[in-house]
Amino acid sequence: MGLDLTNQYVDETYQKLIQLSGSNQLTDGTGSLVTDLDINASTATSSSYALTASFALNSVPQVSASYATSASHALNADNSISSSYAVSATSSSYANTSTSASHALSADTSISSSFATTASYAVSSSQAENANTATSASYALTASYALNAGDWNGQYNGDAGITGSLEVKGDLIVSESKNLNVNGHNQFRYGAFYDTTTQSGSADTAHTFTFNTTQTLHASAGVTVVGGSQITYDNEGVYDNILETQVAKTDSGTDTVSVWIQKNGTDVVASRKQVTLSGNNAKQVVAFNWVQHVEVGDYIEILWSSPDANIQFQALGTDTTPTRPSVPSVYLNVNQVG
């Protein structure tokens, strides 16, 4: 209990008084520093050096406290060690600014912030709304619900869907892929075929060109020749069918040759080409192409006819001086264009 100073003389009691010096230190009435002071106030309203204050509203080293050790409902604690509802704290469950904060509103250097609204360097931020390195995050390692993520530079593994436009500046490299699909159709089907025999036939008769060899070095992908004449396709699309041949006649006079295509055994309207040969043993190299839309199961055949039975599509063997390769009678090149 404190000393009752009623009816006491100042010169006899001033030594027992406590005063606050100009440097904010506690001294006694003689000006000597107070070194032993025991204060414990559970509901203290103002306590400059309170060590424990459960509901303190204003205490320099504890509630608005630079050095508070424990403050359960501290409103402002710059260096508080444990503060469940601290507005600013090193470790706090609902801190506005903190290092580790489950519901932090602003955590510039937050390491783990499950619901952080703004986290400049958040390493893991599962539902961050706006985070420079999490949601709109330049350096986020994990951002499950990122709403805004700008430029990306890296490798993506797995399936991905793009709605809208995709602009690629620089090289686009697709490796280890069997199919490129556009509007449900695989792309880049092709085939190259030729025949090593001379082809001829009777006059005024429709004859089908045949192909007995597929060009080597992976010259066929998705396009095949069935039964020697039927060009087939494993994927729906638009294909350019190109025929090259050397046509010759073995008699004099002038003769014509017609070339056209059939689709599934039916003549294709306006598909006929015509060649005219004049003179004895006349020869001419010709090339024709037909762009056709086909579905899986369709086939194309290329046919020819002439009123002269002396028409031939010649195949030539190898030659010398210099050494030269053989000449196919007909050459077929098929490319998917759509």
C-alpha atoms as a PDB file:
ATOM      1  CA  MET A   1       0.000   0.000   0.000  1.00  0.00           C
ATOM      2  CA  GLY A   2       1.243   3.521  -0.794  1.00  0.00           C
ATOM      3  CA  LEU A   3       2.297   6.113   1.817  1.00  0.00           C
ATOM      4  CA  ASP A   4      -0.456   8.590   2.940  1.00  0.00           C
ATOM      5  CA  LEU A   5       1.031  12.086   2.471  1.00  0.00           C
ATOM      6  CA  THR A   6      -1.916  13.909   4.092  1.00  0.00           C
ATOM      7  CA  ASN A   7      -0.768  16.544   6.647  1.00  0.00           C
ATOM      8  CA  GLN A   8       2.843  15.683   5.887  1.00  0.00           C
ATOM      9  CA  TYR A   9       5.588  18.270   5.289  1.00  0.00           C
ATOM     10  CA  VAL A  10       7.129  18.462   1.837  1.00  0.00           C
ATOM     11  CA  ASP A  11      10.701  18.580   3.131  1.00  0.00           C
ATOM     12  CA  GLU A  12      10.072  15.264   4.934  1.00  0.00           C
ATOM     13  CA  THR A  13       8.283  13.344   2.121  1.00  0.00           C
ATOM     14  CA  TYR A  14       9.480  14.598  -1.294  1.00  0.00           C
ATOM     15  CA  GLN A  15      12.007  11.734  -1.491  1.00  0.00           C
ATOM     16  CA  LYS A  16       9.138   9.242  -1.794  1.00  0.00           C
ATOM     17  CA  LEU A  17       7.531  10.947  -4.808  1.00  0.00           C
ATOM     18  CA  ILE A  18       7.827   9.561  -8.379  1.00  0.00           C
ATOM     19  CA  GLN A  19       8.421  11.942 -11.269  1.00  0.00           C
ATOM     20  CA  LEU A  20       8.883  11.672 -15.079  1.00  0.00           C
ATOM     21  CA  SER A  21      12.147  13.194 -16.250  1.00  0.00           C
ATOM     22  CA  GLY A  22      12.601  15.172 -19.473  1.00  0.00           C
ATOM     23  CA  SER A  23      14.017  11.987 -21.098  1.00  0.00           C
ATOM     24  CA  ASN A  24      10.845  10.030 -20.187  1.00  0.00           C
ATOM     25  CA  GLN A  25      12.527   8.117 -17.327  1.00  0.00           C
ATOM     26  CA  LEU A  26      11.056   7.469 -13.874  1.00  0.00           C
ATOM     27  CA  THR A  27      12.980   9.083 -10.998  1.00  0.00           C
ATOM     28  CA  ASP A  28      12.259   9.628  -7.266  1.00  0.00           C
ATOM     29  CA  GLY A  29      11.946  13.022  -5.558  1.00  0.00           C
ATOM     30  CA  THR A  30      15.731  13.379  -5.359  1.00  0.00           C
ATOM     31  CA  GLY A  31      16.132  12.856  -9.124  1.00  0.00           C
ATOM     32  CA  SER A  32      17.569   9.350  -8.756  1.00  0.00           C
ATOM     33  CA  LEU A  33      16.575   6.778 -11.451  1.00  0.00           C
ATOM     34  CA  VAL A  34      13.971   4.228 -10.321  1.00  0.00           C
ATOM     35  CA  THR A  35      15.454   0.804 -11.170  1.00  0.00           C
ATOM     36  CA  ASP A  36      13.014  -1.527  -9.420  1.00  0.00           C
ATOM     37  CA  LEU A  37       9.354  -1.101 -10.392  1.00  0.00           C
ATOM     38  CA  ASP A  38       6.742  -3.902 -10.436  1.00  0.00           C
ATOM     39  CA  ILE A  39       3.610  -3.131 -12.509  1.00  0.00           C
ATOM     40  CA  ASN A  40       0.939  -5.726 -13.474  1.00  0.00           C
ATOM     41  CA  ALA A  41      -2.332  -4.365 -14.936  1.00  0.00           C
ATOM     42  CA  SER A  42      -4.717  -6.743 -16.723  1.00  0.00           C
ATOM     43  CA  THR A  43      -7.109  -3.935 -17.712  1.00  0.00           C
ATOM     44  CA  ALA A  44      -4.703  -0.987 -17.649  1.00  0.00           C
ATOM     45  CA  THR A  45      -5.919   1.907 -19.819  1.00  0.00           C
ATOM     46  CA  SER A  46      -2.521   3.506 -20.202  1.00  0.00           C
ATOM     47  CA  SER A  47       0.693   1.713 -19.306  1.00  0.00           C
ATOM     48  CA  SER A  48       3.972   2.931 -20.786  1.00  0.00           C
ATOM     49  CA  TYR A  49       6.000  -0.116 -19.762  1.00  0.00           C
ATOM     50  CA  ALA A  50       3.386  -2.792 -19.154  1.00  0.00           C
ATOM     51  CA  LEU A  51       4.745  -6.280 -19.711  1.00  0.00           C
ATOM     52  CA  THR A  52       1.368  -8.051 -19.724  1.00  0.00           C
ATOM     53  CA  ALA A  53      -1.874  -6.277 -20.598  1.00  0.00           C
ATOM     54  CA  SER A  54      -4.662  -8.457 -22.009  1.00  0.00           C
ATOM     55  CA  PHE A  55      -7.001  -5.561 -23.010  1.00  0.00           C
ATOM     56  CA  ALA A  56      -4.689  -2.573 -22.902  1.00  0.00           C
ATOM     57  CA  LEU A  57      -5.879   0.067 -25.379  1.00  0.00           C
ATOM     58  CA  ASN A  58      -2.854   2.301 -25.342  1.00  0.00           C
ATOM     59  CA  SER A  59       0.529   1.128 -24.136  1.00  0.00           C
ATOM     60  CA  VAL A  60       3.719   2.198 -25.817  1.00  0.00           C
ATOM     61  CA  PRO A  61       5.688  -1.019 -25.605  1.00  0.00           C
ATOM     62  CA  GLN A  62       2.692  -3.374 -25.718  1.00  0.00           C
ATOM     63  CA  VAL A  63      -0.595  -2.326 -27.365  1.00  0.00           C
ATOM     64  CA  SER A  64       0.614   0.530 -29.553  1.00  0.00           C
ATOM     65  CA  ALA A  65       3.689  -1.358 -28.435  1.00  0.00           C
ATOM     66  CA  SER A  66       7.140  -1.366 -29.930  1.00  0.00           C
ATOM     67  CA  TYR A  67       8.313  -4.192 -27.658  1.00  0.00           C
ATOM     68  CA  ALA A  68       5.146  -5.918 -26.439  1.00  0.00           C
ATOM     69  CA  THR A  69       5.643  -9.599 -25.700  1.00  0.00           C
ATOM     70  CA  SER A  70       1.998 -10.686 -25.571  1.00  0.00           C
ATOM     71  CA  ALA A  71      -1.069  -8.682 -26.660  1.00  0.00           C
ATOM     72  CA  SER A  72      -4.137 -10.748 -27.501  1.00  0.00           C
ATOM     73  CA  HIS A  73      -6.204  -7.853 -28.959  1.00  0.00           C
ATOM     74  CA  ALA A  74      -3.451  -5.345 -29.704  1.00  0.00           C
ATOM     75  CA  LEU A  75      -4.472  -2.849 -32.371  1.00  0.00           C
ATOM     76  CA  ASN A  76      -1.005  -1.712 -33.305  1.00  0.00           C
ATOM     77  CA  ALA A  77       2.124  -3.666 -32.417  1.00  0.00           C
ATOM     78  CA  ASP A  78       5.145  -2.990 -34.622  1.00  0.00           C
ATOM     79  CA  ASN A  79       7.282  -5.773 -33.215  1.00  0.00           C
ATOM     80  CA  SER A  80       4.713  -7.955 -31.510  1.00  0.00           C
ATOM     81  CA  ILE A  81       5.769 -11.600 -31.366  1.00  0.00           C
ATOM     82  CA  SER A  82       2.308 -13.136 -31.114  1.00  0.00           C
ATOM     83  CA  SER A  83      -0.807 -11.110 -31.856  1.00  0.00           C
ATOM     84  CA  SER A  84      -3.980 -12.871 -33.007  1.00  0.00           C
ATOM     85  CA  TYR A  85      -5.752  -9.742 -34.330  1.00  0.00           C
ATOM     86  CA  ALA A  86      -2.836  -7.355 -34.746  1.00  0.00           C
ATOM     87  CA  VAL A  87      -3.216  -4.883 -37.610  1.00  0.00           C
ATOM     88  CA  SER A  88       0.525  -4.815 -38.138  1.00  0.00           C
ATOM     89  CA  ALA A  89       2.569  -7.750 -36.837  1.00  0.00           C
ATOM     90  CA  THR A  90       5.294 -10.217 -37.692  1.00  0.00           C
ATOM     91  CA  SER A  91       3.092 -13.269 -37.148  1.00  0.00           C
ATOM     92  CA  SER A  92      -0.666 -12.856 -37.082  1.00  0.00           C
ATOM     93  CA  SER A  93      -3.751 -14.674 -38.290  1.00  0.00           C
ATOM     94  CA  TYR A  94      -5.612 -11.569 -39.550  1.00  0.00           C
ATOM     95  CA  ALA A  95      -2.794  -9.078 -39.926  1.00  0.00           C
ATOM     96  CA  ASN A  96      -3.003  -6.454 -42.703  1.00  0.00           C
ATOM     97  CA  THR A  97       0.723  -6.637 -43.224  1.00  0.00           C
ATOM     98  CA  SER A  98       2.635  -9.697 -42.084  1.00  0.00           C
ATOM     99  CA  THR A  99       5.130 -12.402 -42.924  1.00  0.00           C
ATOM    100  CA  SER A 100       2.784 -15.307 -42.336  1.00  0.00           C
ATOM    101  CA  ALA A 101      -0.930 -14.517 -42.495  1.00  0.00           C
ATOM    102  CA  SER A 102      -3.806 -16.855 -43.287  1.00  0.00           C
ATOM    103  CA  HIS A 103      -6.248 -14.016 -44.114  1.00  0.00           C
ATOM    104  CA  ALA A 104      -3.824 -11.153 -44.637  1.00  0.00           C
ATOM    105  CA  LEU A 105      -5.270  -8.245 -46.629  1.00  0.00           C
ATOM    106  CA  SER A 106      -1.922  -6.887 -47.702  1.00  0.00           C
ATOM    107  CA  ALA A 107       1.269  -8.934 -47.460  1.00  0.00           C
ATOM    108  CA  ASP A 108       4.057  -7.512 -49.618  1.00  0.00           C
ATOM    109  CA  THR A 109       6.548 -10.164 -48.596  1.00  0.00           C
ATOM    110  CA  SER A 110       4.122 -12.828 -47.430  1.00  0.00           C
ATOM    111  CA  ILE A 111       5.605 -16.324 -47.666  1.00  0.00           C
ATOM    112  CA  SER A 112       2.327 -18.193 -47.244  1.00  0.00           C
ATOM    113  CA  SER A 113      -0.961 -16.356 -47.665  1.00  0.00           C
ATOM    114  CA  SER A 114      -3.982 -18.498 -48.491  1.00  0.00           C
ATOM    115  CA  PHE A 115      -6.433 -15.627 -49.041  1.00  0.00           C
ATOM    116  CA  ALA A 116      -4.092 -12.688 -49.500  1.00  0.00           C
ATOM    117  CA  THR A 117      -5.642  -9.859 -51.508  1.00  0.00           C
ATOM    118  CA  THR A 118      -2.322  -8.310 -52.422  1.00  0.00           C
ATOM    119  CA  ALA A 119       0.941 -10.214 -52.069  1.00  0.00           C
ATOM    120  CA  SER A 120       3.891  -8.878 -54.028  1.00  0.00           C
ATOM    121  CA  TYR A 121       6.146 -11.872 -53.432  1.00  0.00           C
ATOM    122  CA  ALA A 122       3.745 -14.585 -52.323  1.00  0.00           C
ATOM    123  CA  VAL A 123       5.245 -17.997 -52.970  1.00  0.00           C
ATOM    124  CA  SER A 124       1.981 -19.876 -52.560  1.00  0.00           C
ATOM    125  CA  SER A 125      -1.354 -18.082 -52.803  1.00  0.00           C
ATOM    126  CA  SER A 126      -4.215 -20.446 -53.592  1.00  0.00           C
ATOM    127  CA  GLN A 127      -7.018 -17.877 -53.991  1.00  0.00           C
ATOM    128  CA  ALA A 128      -5.192 -14.575 -54.210  1.00  0.00           C
ATOM    129  CA  GLU A 129      -7.267 -11.919 -55.978  1.00  0.00           C
ATOM    130  CA  ASN A 130      -4.439  -9.615 -56.984  1.00  0.00           C
ATOM    131  CA  ALA A 131      -0.808 -10.500 -56.426  1.00  0.00           C
ATOM    132  CA  ASN A 132       2.164  -9.347 -58.445  1.00  0.00           C
ATOM    133  CA  THR A 133       3.829 -12.711 -58.073  1.00  0.00           C
ATOM    134  CA  ALA A 134       0.759 -14.883 -57.480  1.00  0.00           C
ATOM    135  CA  THR A 135      -2.402 -13.952 -59.388  1.00  0.00           C
ATOM    136  CA  SER A 136      -1.193 -11.338 -61.848  1.00  0.00           C
ATOM    137  CA  ALA A 137       2.002 -12.963 -60.685  1.00  0.00           C
ATOM    138  CA  SER A 138       5.380 -12.555 -62.318  1.00  0.00           C
ATOM    139  CA  TYR A 139       7.128 -14.993 -59.981  1.00  0.00           C
ATOM    140  CA  ALA A 140       4.345 -17.072 -58.474  1.00  0.00           C
ATOM    141  CA  LEU A 141       5.252 -20.720 -58.008  1.00  0.00           C
ATOM    142  CA  THR A 142       1.716 -21.841 -57.277  1.00  0.00           C
ATOM    143  CA  ALA A 143      -1.457 -19.844 -58.023  1.00  0.00           C
ATOM    144  CA  SER A 144      -4.457 -22.162 -58.376  1.00  0.00           C
ATOM    145  CA  TYR A 145      -7.015 -19.411 -59.030  1.00  0.00           C
ATOM    146  CA  ALA A 146      -4.922 -16.719 -60.655  1.00  0.00           C
ATOM    147  CA  LEU A 147      -7.270 -14.249 -62.378  1.00  0.00           C
ATOM    148  CA  ASN A 148      -4.710 -12.189 -64.227  1.00  0.00           C
ATOM    149  CA  ALA A 149      -1.387 -13.578 -65.424  1.00  0.00           C
ATOM    150  CA  GLY A 150       0.295 -11.686 -68.256  1.00  0.00           C
ATOM    151  CA  ASP A 151       3.257 -12.846 -70.307  1.00  0.00           C
ATOM    152  CA  TRP A 152       4.416 -16.442 -70.042  1.00  0.00           C
ATOM    153  CA  ASN A 153       7.762 -17.870 -70.977  1.00  0.00           C
ATOM    154  CA  GLY A 154       8.371 -21.528 -70.418  1.00  0.00           C
ATOM    155  CA  GLN A 155       7.408 -25.086 -71.313  1.00  0.00           C
ATOM    156  CA  TYR A 156       3.857 -26.397 -70.959  1.00  0.00           C
ATOM    157  CA  ASN A 157       3.136 -30.105 -70.648  1.00  0.00           C
ATOM    158  CA  GLY A 158      -0.333 -31.581 -71.121  1.00  0.00           C
ATOM    159  CA  ASP A 159      -3.524 -30.517 -72.872  1.00  0.00           C
ATOM    160  CA  ALA A 160      -4.575 -26.881 -73.227  1.00  0.00           C
ATOM    161  CA  GLY A 161      -7.533 -25.097 -74.794  1.00  0.00           C
ATOM    162  CA  ILE A 162      -7.405 -21.590 -76.263  1.00  0.00           C
ATOM    163  CA  THR A 163     -10.550 -19.544 -76.783  1.00  0.00           C
ATOM    164  CA  GLY A 164      -9.904 -16.568 -79.028  1.00  0.00           C
ATOM    165  CA  SER A 165      -6.828 -15.612 -81.037  1.00  0.00           C
ATOM    166  CA  LEU A 166      -3.270 -16.789 -80.502  1.00  0.00           C
ATOM    167  CA  GLU A 167      -0.488 -14.607 -81.865  1.00  0.00           C
ATOM    168  CA  VAL A 168       2.951 -16.147 -82.134  1.00  0.00           C
ATOM    169  CA  LYS A 169       5.933 -13.857 -82.693  1.00  0.00           C
ATOM    170  CA  GLY A 170       8.965 -15.875 -83.653  1.00  0.00           C
ATOM    171  CA  ASP A 171       9.289 -19.588 -84.355  1.00  0.00           C
ATOM    172  CA  LEU A 172       6.535 -22.111 -83.596  1.00  0.00           C
ATOM    173  CA  ILE A 173       8.115 -25.517 -83.054  1.00  0.00           C
ATOM    174  CA  VAL A 174       5.928 -28.618 -82.760  1.00  0.00           C
ATOM    175  CA  SER A 175       7.911 -31.734 -81.936  1.00  0.00           C
ATOM    176  CA  GLU A 176       6.955 -35.370 -81.420  1.00  0.00           C
ATOM    177  CA  SER A 177       3.457 -34.764 -82.771  1.00  0.00           C
ATOM    178  CA  LYS A 178       1.573 -37.073 -85.104  1.00  0.00           C
ATOM    179  CA  ASN A 179      -1.387 -34.787 -85.777  1.00  0.00           C
ATOM    180  CA  LEU A 180      -2.193 -31.114 -86.128  1.00  0.00           C
ATOM    181  CA  ASN A 181      -5.980 -30.779 -85.930  1.00  0.00           C
ATOM    182  CA  VAL A 182      -7.887 -27.815 -87.404  1.00  0.00           C
ATOM    183  CA  ASN A 183     -11.691 -27.686 -87.139  1.00  0.00           C
ATOM    184  CA  GLY A 184     -11.753 -31.386 -86.347  1.00  0.00           C
ATOM    185  CA  HIS A 185      -9.525 -32.340 -89.300  1.00  0.00           C
ATOM    186  CA  ASN A 186      -5.958 -33.574 -89.043  1.00  0.00           C
ATOM    187  CA  GLN A 187      -3.577 -31.652 -91.279  1.00  0.00           C
ATOM    188  CA  PHE A 188      -0.538 -32.274 -93.474  1.00  0.00           C
ATOM    189  CA  ARG A 189      -1.572 -35.625 -95.022  1.00  0.00           C
ATOM    190  CA  TYR A 190       0.358 -36.411 -98.198  1.00  0.00           C
ATOM    191  CA  GLY A 191       1.432 -39.161-100.548  1.00  0.00           C
ATOM    192  CA  ALA A 192       3.799 -39.683-103.484  1.00  0.00           C
ATOM    193  CA  PHE A 193       3.466 -42.613-105.906  1.00  0.00           C
ATOM    194  CA  TYR A 194       4.619 -43.618-109.396  1.00  0.00           C
ATOM    195  CA  ASP A 195       4.474 -46.461-111.928  1.00  0.00           C
ATOM    196  CA  THR A 196       7.442 -48.162-113.547  1.00  0.00           C
ATOM    197  CA  THR A 197       5.603 -49.678-116.534  1.00  0.00           C
ATOM    198  CA  THR A 198       4.485 -48.171-119.830  1.00  0.00           C
ATOM    199  CA  GLN A 199       0.687 -47.800-119.871  1.00  0.00           C
ATOM    200  CA  SER A 200      -1.432 -48.041-123.041  1.00  0.00           C
ATOM    201  CA  GLY A 201      -4.855 -49.219-124.154  1.00  0.00           C
ATOM    202  CA  SER A 202      -7.435 -49.623-126.882  1.00  0.00           C
ATOM    203  CA  ALA A 203      -9.082 -46.719-128.679  1.00  0.00           C
ATOM    204  CA  ASP A 204     -12.228 -45.015-127.405  1.00  0.00           C
ATOM    205  CA  THR A 205     -12.044 -46.797-124.046  1.00  0.00           C
ATOM    206  CA  ALA A 206     -11.749 -45.386-120.502  1.00  0.00           C
ATOM    207  CA  HIS A 207      -8.543 -46.587-118.871  1.00  0.00           C
ATOM    208  CA  THR A 208      -7.475 -46.094-115.249  1.00  0.00           C
ATOM    209  CA  PHE A 209      -3.959 -44.931-114.434  1.00  0.00           C
ATOM    210  CA  THR A 210      -2.172 -47.346-112.106  1.00  0.00           C
ATOM    211  CA  PHE A 211       0.644 -46.817-109.603  1.00  0.00           C
ATOM    212  CA  ASN A 212       2.842 -49.696-108.464  1.00  0.00           C
ATOM    213  CA  THR A 213       5.376 -47.895-106.231  1.00  0.00           C
ATOM    214  CA  THR A 214       5.222 -45.632-103.191  1.00  0.00           C
ATOM    215  CA  GLN A 215       8.064 -43.150-103.167  1.00  0.00           C
ATOM    216  CA  THR A 216      10.641 -43.875-100.478  1.00  0.00           C
ATOM    217  CA  LEU A 217      11.831 -41.650 -97.581  1.00  0.00           C
ATOM    218  CA  HIS A 218       8.491 -41.311 -95.770  1.00  0.00           C
ATOM    219  CA  ALA A 219       6.694 -40.046 -98.880  1.00  0.00           C
ATOM    220  CA  SER A 220       3.263 -41.139 -97.663  1.00  0.00           C
ATOM    221  CA  ALA A 221       1.353 -40.130 -94.536  1.00  0.00           C
ATOM    222  CA  GLY A 222      -2.398 -40.647 -94.441  1.00  0.00           C
ATOM    223  CA  VAL A 223      -2.720 -41.149 -98.229  1.00  0.00           C
ATOM    224  CA  THR A 224      -2.491 -44.581 -99.855  1.00  0.00           C
ATOM    225  CA  VAL A 225      -3.182 -46.242-103.211  1.00  0.00           C
ATOM    226  CA  VAL A 226      -5.472 -49.283-102.974  1.00  0.00           C
ATOM    227  CA  GLY A 227      -5.774 -51.845-105.767  1.00  0.00           C
ATOM    228  CA  GLY A 228      -3.183 -49.996-107.830  1.00  0.00           C
ATOM    229  CA  SER A 229      -5.510 -47.110-108.794  1.00  0.00           C
ATOM    230  CA  GLN A 230      -7.754 -45.953-105.935  1.00  0.00           C
ATOM    231  CA  ILE A 231      -6.310 -42.967-104.057  1.00  0.00           C
ATOM    232  CA  THR A 232      -7.613 -43.167-100.474  1.00  0.00           C
ATOM    233  CA  TYR A 233      -7.442 -40.776 -97.511  1.00  0.00           C
ATOM    234  CA  ASP A 234      -7.472 -41.529 -93.775  1.00  0.00           C
ATOM    235  CA  ASN A 235      -8.785 -38.094 -92.826  1.00  0.00           C
ATOM    236  CA  GLU A 236     -11.472 -35.750 -94.100  1.00  0.00           C
ATOM    237  CA  GLY A 237     -10.121 -32.633 -95.769  1.00  0.00           C
ATOM    238  CA  VAL A 238      -9.263 -30.860 -99.008  1.00  0.00           C
ATOM    239  CA  TYR A 239      -6.540 -32.458-101.134  1.00  0.00           C
ATOM    240  CA  ASP A 240      -4.617 -31.404-104.227  1.00  0.00           C
ATOM    241  CA  ASN A 241      -4.089 -34.435-106.499  1.00  0.00           C
ATOM    242  CA  ILE A 242      -1.310 -33.796-109.018  1.00  0.00           C
ATOM    243  CA  LEU A 243      -0.549 -36.082-111.989  1.00  0.00           C
ATOM    244  CA  GLU A 244       2.629 -35.801-114.079  1.00  0.00           C
ATOM    245  CA  THR A 245       3.250 -37.977-117.134  1.00  0.00           C
ATOM    246  CA  GLN A 246       4.989 -38.250-120.502  1.00  0.00           C
ATOM    247  CA  VAL A 247       2.454 -39.036-123.225  1.00  0.00           C
ATOM    248  CA  ALA A 248       3.596 -40.242-126.672  1.00  0.00           C
ATOM    249  CA  LYS A 249       2.140 -41.492-129.984  1.00  0.00           C
ATOM    250  CA  THR A 250       3.747 -44.055-132.273  1.00  0.00           C
ATOM    251  CA  ASP A 251       2.127 -43.047-135.578  1.00  0.00           C
ATOM    252  CA  SER A 252       1.734 -39.989-137.764  1.00  0.00           C
ATOM    253  CA  GLY A 253      -1.112 -37.526-137.794  1.00  0.00           C
ATOM    254  CA  THR A 254      -2.783 -35.633-134.960  1.00  0.00           C
ATOM    255  CA  ASP A 255      -4.305 -37.325-131.947  1.00  0.00           C
ATOM    256  CA  THR A 256      -5.986 -36.183-128.735  1.00  0.00           C
ATOM    257  CA  VAL A 257      -5.870 -37.603-125.224  1.00  0.00           C
ATOM    258  CA  SER A 258      -8.453 -36.884-122.505  1.00  0.00           C
ATOM    259  CA  VAL A 259      -7.635 -37.151-118.769  1.00  0.00           C
ATOM    260  CA  TRP A 260     -10.204 -36.795-115.935  1.00  0.00           C
ATOM    261  CA  ILE A 261     -11.044 -38.052-112.445  1.00  0.00           C
ATOM    262  CA  GLN A 262     -13.750 -40.107-110.804  1.00  0.00           C
ATOM    263  CA  LYS A 263     -14.806 -39.932-107.157  1.00  0.00           C
ATOM    264  CA  ASN A 264     -16.124 -43.188-105.739  1.00  0.00           C
ATOM    265  CA  GLY A 265     -16.604 -44.503-109.303  1.00  0.00           C
ATOM    266  CA  THR A 266     -18.498 -41.450-110.623  1.00  0.00           C
ATOM    267  CA  ASP A 267     -17.135 -38.881-113.074  1.00  0.00           C
ATOM    268  CA  VAL A 268     -16.379 -35.527-111.407  1.00  0.00           C
ATOM    269  CA  VAL A 269     -18.075 -32.697-113.309  1.00  0.00           C
ATOM    270  CA  ALA A 270     -15.739 -30.408-115.306  1.00  0.00           C
ATOM    271  CA  SER A 271     -12.652 -32.390-114.365  1.00  0.00           C
ATOM    272  CA  ARG A 272     -11.472 -33.365-117.910  1.00  0.00           C
ATOM    273  CA  LYS A 273      -8.188 -32.126-119.384  1.00  0.00           C
ATOM    274  CA  GLN A 274      -7.225 -32.644-123.047  1.00  0.00           C
ATOM    275  CA  VAL A 275      -3.852 -32.962-124.784  1.00  0.00           C
ATOM    276  CA  THR A 276      -3.189 -32.782-128.536  1.00  0.00           C
ATOM    277  CA  LEU A 277      -0.198 -34.549-130.151  1.00  0.00           C
ATOM    278  CA  SER A 278       0.833 -33.834-133.752  1.00  0.00           C
ATOM    279  CA  GLY A 279       3.417 -35.590-135.910  1.00  0.00           C
ATOM    280  CA  ASN A 280       5.066 -38.979-136.058  1.00  0.00           C
ATOM    281  CA  ASN A 281       6.283 -40.253-132.645  1.00  0.00           C
ATOM    282  CA  ALA A 282       5.278 -36.994-130.933  1.00  0.00           C
ATOM    283  CA  LYS A 283       5.909 -36.789-127.174  1.00  0.00           C
ATOM    284  CA  GLN A 284       4.842 -34.322-124.530  1.00  0.00           C
ATOM    285  CA  VAL A 285       5.309 -34.012-120.745  1.00  0.00           C
ATOM    286  CA  VAL A 286       2.077 -32.864-119.099  1.00  0.00           C
ATOM    287  CA  ALA A 287       0.902 -32.170-115.566  1.00  0.00           C
ATOM    288  CA  PHE A 288      -2.643 -31.850-114.244  1.00  0.00           C
ATOM    289  CA  ASN A 289      -4.096 -31.269-110.791  1.00  0.00           C
ATOM    290  CA  TRP A 290      -7.511 -31.630-109.165  1.00  0.00           C
ATOM    291  CA  VAL A 291      -8.414 -30.087-105.795  1.00  0.00           C
ATOM    292  CA  GLN A 292     -11.096 -32.174-104.120  1.00  0.00           C
ATOM    293  CA  HIS A 293     -12.834 -32.382-100.746  1.00  0.00           C
ATOM    294  CA  VAL A 294     -12.961 -35.965 -99.538  1.00  0.00           C
ATOM    295  CA  GLU A 295     -14.203 -37.788 -96.470  1.00  0.00           C
ATOM    296  CA  VAL A 296     -12.819 -40.909 -94.851  1.00  0.00           C
ATOM    297  CA  GLY A 297     -13.773 -43.840 -97.114  1.00  0.00           C
ATOM    298  CA  ASP A 298     -13.820 -41.800-100.342  1.00  0.00           C
ATOM    299  CA  TYR A 299     -11.438 -42.631-103.163  1.00  0.00           C
ATOM    300  CA  ILE A 300     -10.271 -40.844-106.311  1.00  0.00           C
ATOM    301  CA  GLU A 301      -9.210 -42.481-109.587  1.00  0.00           C
ATOM    302  CA  ILE A 302      -7.558 -40.823-112.596  1.00  0.00           C
ATOM    303  CA  LEU A 303      -8.684 -42.020-116.033  1.00  0.00           C
ATOM    304  CA  TRP A 304      -7.673 -41.436-119.672  1.00  0.00           C
ATOM    305  CA  SER A 305      -8.920 -42.233-123.174  1.00  0.00           C
ATOM    306  CA  SER A 306      -8.016 -41.550-126.830  1.00  0.00           C
ATOM    307  CA  PRO A 307      -9.547 -42.270-130.228  1.00  0.00           C
ATOM    308  CA  ASP A 308      -6.076 -43.547-131.280  1.00  0.00           C
ATOM    309  CA  ALA A 309      -4.885 -46.949-130.035  1.00  0.00           C
ATOM    310  CA  ASN A 310      -1.253 -45.855-130.533  1.00  0.00           C
ATOM    311  CA  ILE A 311      -1.184 -43.590-127.453  1.00  0.00           C
ATOM    312  CA  GLN A 312       1.299 -44.533-124.702  1.00  0.00           C
ATOM    313  CA  PHE A 313       2.402 -43.243-121.332  1.00  0.00           C
ATOM    314  CA  GLN A 314       6.026 -44.246-121.493  1.00  0.00           C
ATOM    315  CA  ALA A 315       8.318 -45.510-118.748  1.00  0.00           C
ATOM    316  CA  LEU A 316      12.059 -45.288-119.487  1.00  0.00           C
ATOM    317  CA  GLY A 317      14.935 -47.094-117.801  1.00  0.00           C
ATOM    318  CA  THR A 318      18.156 -45.642-116.478  1.00  0.00           C
ATOM    319  CA  ASP A 319      20.593 -44.093-118.919  1.00  0.00           C
ATOM    320  CA  THR A 320      24.309 -43.433-119.222  1.00  0.00           C
ATOM    321  CA  THR A 321      26.759 -40.710-120.278  1.00  0.00           C
ATOM    322  CA  PRO A 322      26.001 -39.292-117.862  1.00  0.00           C
ATOM    323  CA  THR A 323      24.324 -41.774-115.550  1.00  0.00           C
ATOM    324  CA  ARG A 324      20.669 -40.850-115.154  1.00  0.00           C
ATOM    325  CA  PRO A 325      17.765 -42.363-113.166  1.00  0.00           C
ATOM    326  CA  SER A 326      14.717 -44.028-114.671  1.00  0.00           C
ATOM    327  CA  VAL A 327      11.567 -42.222-115.836  1.00  0.00           C
ATOM    328  CA  PRO A 328       8.198 -43.346-114.414  1.00  0.00           C
ATOM    329  CA  SER A 329       5.274 -43.528-116.829  1.00  0.00           C
ATOM    330  CA  VAL A 330       3.085 -41.570-114.395  1.00  0.00           C
ATOM    331  CA  TYR A 331       3.835 -39.745-111.173  1.00  0.00           C
ATOM    332  CA  LEU A 332       1.209 -38.888-108.542  1.00  0.00           C
ATOM    333  CA  ASN A 333       1.701 -36.309-105.764  1.00  0.00           C
ATOM    334  CA  VAL A 334      -1.113 -35.742-103.217  1.00  0.00           C
ATOM    335  CA  ASN A 335      -1.034 -32.894-100.671  1.00  0.00           C
ATOM    336  CA  GLN A 336      -3.606 -31.901 -98.088  1.00  0.00           C
ATOM    337  CA  VAL A 337      -4.377 -28.190 -98.381  1.00  0.00           C
ATOM    338  CA  GLY A 338      -7.276 -27.833 -95.975  1.00  0.00           C
END
